Amino acid sequence: SDYIRAHVWGPAGMDHTSLEVEGVDVANKAELYRRTARGPAPDFHDDASVRYAGGGSQSTAADLLRFAIAFEDETLLTKTSMDRMQVIPLLATPPAEGKRTPYALGWMIYDSKDFGRILTHDGGQSGTSTNFSVYPDHHVAVAVLCNLQDAGRPVLDVTIALARLAIGLPELASVEGN
C-alpha cells in the first residue's frame, strides 16, 4: 500500500483510493449488494483484503478519472512505457500459438470504428461491478462503479453510452454487439 500510494495514487492525486483492510471503515463507502430471488440484498462477503492483486483496492470514479489524466499526461509513465503497455501480445503456446489476445499489460485493448483505440478493464466481485475505459484518440475516460454484484452488462452499457455522449457520437437505441 505504501509503495502504490507513493508511486501511483499520490502522484495521480488519487486521495480516495486504498487497499481494503478488513475491519477498517472508509468514510462514505457505498454499501455493497448481491442479487437474490427477492431483489438486491446486502452483501456480507465483500472483504477484498484477501485478494490485493486481483481486486483488493477500493476507489472512486473521480479517482479513476484522475488516474486516466495522470496516465495520459505522463505523470505515471513515460510515453514509451505507455506504448509498451498497449502491445497486444502474440501467444506462443499451443493451442493458441500465433493468435493474439486483446489483454495487454493491465488493459484489454480494442480498436473500434466509432471510438478508435479503447483501453479498458472491467471488474466484478462480491458486491461490485465496474468498468473503466480510456479512449485516447478522443482524450476521454469513463469510470462506472456499481455497488451490485453481477451487473457487468448494464455497467458496460452505461460506460459506452457515456463515452458516446462525451465524444459526441449519436446515441444508439441499443449497444448490443457494439
Protein backbone atom coordinates (compact mmCIF):
# COMPACT_ATOMS: atom_id res chain seq x y z
CA SER A 1 0.00 0.00 0.00
CA ASP A 2 2.79 2.43 0.85
CA TYR A 3 4.54 1.76 -2.45
CA ILE A 4 1.37 2.19 -4.52
CA ARG A 5 0.49 5.39 -2.63
CA ALA A 6 3.98 6.83 -3.25
CA HIS A 7 4.29 5.84 -6.91
CA VAL A 8 0.74 5.76 -8.30
CA TRP A 9 -2.09 7.08 -6.15
CA GLY A 10 -0.17 10.05 -4.71
CA PRO A 11 1.29 11.37 -7.99
CA ALA A 12 -2.08 10.90 -9.69
CA GLY A 13 -3.92 12.77 -6.92
CA MET A 14 -5.98 9.74 -6.00
CA ASP A 15 -6.74 10.68 -2.41
CA HIS A 16 -9.75 8.34 -2.09
CA THR A 17 -8.08 5.13 -3.23
CA SER A 18 -6.60 2.49 -0.96
CA LEU A 19 -6.19 -1.19 -0.40
CA GLU A 20 -9.08 -2.58 1.58
CA VAL A 21 -8.17 -3.61 5.12
CA GLU A 22 -10.61 -5.93 6.85
CA GLY A 23 -12.42 -4.20 9.69
CA VAL A 24 -11.28 -0.68 8.73
CA ASP A 25 -14.21 1.54 7.81
CA VAL A 26 -13.87 4.03 4.98
CA ALA A 27 -15.92 7.23 5.19
CA ASN A 28 -18.76 7.40 2.66
CA LYS A 29 -18.11 3.91 1.29
CA ALA A 30 -21.15 2.57 -0.53
CA GLU A 31 -22.98 -0.42 0.88
CA LEU A 32 -22.48 -3.44 -1.37
CA TYR A 33 -25.28 -5.68 -2.65
CA ARG A 34 -25.82 -9.04 -4.30
CA ARG A 35 -28.74 -10.31 -6.35
CA THR A 36 -31.29 -12.62 -4.76
CA ALA A 37 -34.63 -14.05 -5.93
CA ARG A 38 -36.31 -11.25 -3.96
CA GLY A 39 -34.09 -8.48 -5.34
CA PRO A 40 -30.89 -6.83 -4.10
CA ALA A 41 -29.71 -7.81 -0.62
CA PRO A 42 -26.73 -6.62 1.41
CA ASP A 43 -23.54 -8.48 0.57
CA PHE A 44 -21.77 -9.52 3.74
CA HIS A 45 -18.96 -11.33 1.89
CA ASP A 46 -17.40 -8.21 0.47
CA ASP A 47 -13.98 -8.27 2.16
CA ALA A 48 -11.50 -7.77 -0.69
CA SER A 49 -8.43 -7.52 1.53
CA VAL A 50 -7.57 -11.15 0.83
CA ARG A 51 -7.03 -10.51 -2.89
CA TYR A 52 -4.97 -7.37 -3.41
CA ALA A 53 -3.54 -8.48 -6.74
CA GLY A 54 -6.99 -9.30 -8.11
CA GLY A 55 -9.28 -6.56 -6.87
CA GLY A 56 -8.44 -5.65 -3.29
CA SER A 57 -8.34 -1.92 -3.91
CA GLN A 58 -11.18 0.50 -3.34
CA SER A 59 -11.58 3.77 -5.17
CA THR A 60 -13.99 6.35 -6.52
CA ALA A 61 -14.97 7.20 -10.08
CA ALA A 62 -13.31 10.60 -9.65
CA ASP A 63 -10.02 9.00 -8.57
CA LEU A 64 -10.09 6.63 -11.54
CA LEU A 65 -10.51 9.63 -13.82
CA ARG A 66 -7.53 11.26 -12.08
CA PHE A 67 -5.59 8.08 -12.91
CA ALA A 68 -6.59 8.44 -16.58
CA ILE A 69 -5.36 12.04 -16.61
CA ALA A 70 -2.06 11.06 -14.96
CA PHE A 71 -1.70 8.20 -17.44
CA GLU A 72 -2.31 10.47 -20.41
CA ASP A 73 -0.12 13.36 -19.29
CA GLU A 74 2.81 11.01 -18.49
CA THR A 75 2.75 11.71 -14.74
CA LEU A 76 2.98 7.98 -14.03
CA LEU A 77 4.82 6.52 -17.01
CA THR A 78 6.82 7.63 -19.99
CA LYS A 79 5.21 7.51 -23.42
CA THR A 80 7.48 4.58 -24.28
CA SER A 81 6.20 2.61 -21.28
CA MET A 82 2.59 3.51 -22.06
CA ASP A 83 3.05 2.35 -25.65
CA ARG A 84 4.54 -0.93 -24.40
CA MET A 85 1.52 -1.44 -22.13
CA GLN A 86 -0.69 -1.34 -25.22
CA VAL A 87 1.10 -4.00 -27.26
CA ILE A 88 -1.30 -6.86 -27.91
CA PRO A 89 0.80 -9.98 -27.35
CA LEU A 90 1.23 -12.82 -29.79
CA LEU A 91 0.59 -16.11 -27.99
CA ALA A 92 3.44 -18.59 -28.12
CA THR A 93 1.98 -21.87 -26.90
CA PRO A 94 -0.49 -24.33 -28.43
CA PRO A 95 -3.40 -24.39 -28.99
CA ALA A 96 -3.42 -20.60 -29.35
CA GLU A 97 0.07 -20.29 -30.81
CA GLY A 98 0.27 -17.44 -33.31
CA LYS A 99 -3.02 -15.89 -32.19
CA ARG A 100 -3.42 -12.64 -30.32
CA THR A 101 -5.22 -11.94 -27.09
CA PRO A 102 -6.72 -8.48 -26.50
CA TYR A 103 -5.24 -8.43 -22.98
CA ALA A 104 -2.08 -6.36 -22.85
CA LEU A 105 -0.33 -5.17 -19.66
CA GLY A 106 -3.28 -4.33 -17.43
CA TRP A 107 -5.71 -3.38 -20.21
CA MET A 108 -7.97 -5.02 -22.71
CA ILE A 109 -7.13 -3.25 -25.97
CA TYR A 110 -9.65 -2.80 -28.75
CA ASP A 111 -9.78 -0.78 -31.92
CA SER A 112 -13.27 0.46 -32.74
CA LYS A 113 -14.73 2.15 -35.80
CA ASP A 114 -16.58 4.65 -33.60
CA PHE A 115 -14.12 5.14 -30.75
CA GLY A 116 -10.69 4.42 -32.19
CA ARG A 117 -8.37 2.83 -29.64
CA ILE A 118 -10.04 1.69 -26.39
CA LEU A 119 -8.13 0.74 -23.24
CA THR A 120 -10.50 -0.92 -20.84
CA HIS A 121 -10.71 -3.06 -17.75
CA ASP A 122 -13.83 -4.26 -16.06
CA GLY A 123 -14.21 -5.88 -12.72
CA GLY A 124 -16.65 -7.69 -10.58
CA GLN A 125 -16.54 -9.32 -7.23
CA SER A 126 -18.75 -9.72 -4.25
CA GLY A 127 -20.96 -6.62 -4.15
CA THR A 128 -19.47 -4.76 -7.12
CA SER A 129 -19.44 -4.41 -10.89
CA THR A 130 -17.18 -1.86 -12.59
CA ASN A 131 -15.84 -0.64 -15.91
CA PHE A 132 -13.00 1.80 -16.54
CA SER A 133 -12.39 2.73 -20.17
CA VAL A 134 -9.98 5.19 -21.75
CA TYR A 135 -10.45 6.48 -25.29
CA PRO A 136 -7.03 8.02 -26.01
CA ASP A 137 -7.88 9.16 -29.55
CA HIS A 138 -10.53 11.44 -28.00
CA HIS A 139 -8.88 12.25 -24.63
CA VAL A 140 -11.91 10.78 -22.87
CA ALA A 141 -12.14 8.37 -19.94
CA VAL A 142 -15.21 6.85 -18.34
CA ALA A 143 -15.41 5.17 -14.93
CA VAL A 144 -18.61 3.42 -13.89
CA LEU A 145 -18.76 1.83 -10.45
CA CYS A 146 -21.81 -0.11 -9.32
CA ASN A 147 -22.43 -1.47 -5.85
CA LEU A 148 -24.29 -4.55 -7.14
CA GLN A 149 -22.68 -7.86 -7.99
CA ASP A 150 -23.28 -9.37 -11.46
CA ALA A 151 -24.27 -6.09 -13.13
CA GLY A 152 -21.44 -6.20 -15.67
CA ARG A 153 -23.53 -5.83 -18.83
CA PRO A 154 -25.57 -2.83 -17.61
CA VAL A 155 -22.36 -1.20 -16.35
CA LEU A 156 -20.75 -1.71 -19.78
CA ASP A 157 -23.86 -0.27 -21.47
CA VAL A 158 -23.66 2.86 -19.29
CA THR A 159 -19.92 3.14 -19.99
CA ILE A 160 -20.49 3.03 -23.75
CA ALA A 161 -23.40 5.48 -23.59
CA LEU A 162 -21.34 7.96 -21.55
CA ALA A 163 -18.38 7.60 -23.92
CA ARG A 164 -20.62 8.23 -26.93
CA LEU A 165 -22.02 11.34 -25.21
CA ALA A 166 -18.57 12.66 -24.24
CA ILE A 167 -17.14 12.09 -27.70
CA GLY A 168 -20.19 13.50 -29.46
CA LEU A 169 -21.32 10.32 -31.19
CA PRO A 170 -25.03 9.73 -31.81
CA GLU A 171 -26.87 7.67 -29.24
CA LEU A 172 -27.71 4.10 -30.12
CA ALA A 173 -31.06 2.51 -29.48
CA SER A 174 -29.12 -0.48 -28.19
CA VAL A 175 -25.44 -1.05 -27.57
CA GLU A 176 -25.72 -4.79 -28.18
CA GLY A 177 -22.93 -6.01 -30.41
CA ASN A 178 -21.07 -2.70 -30.32
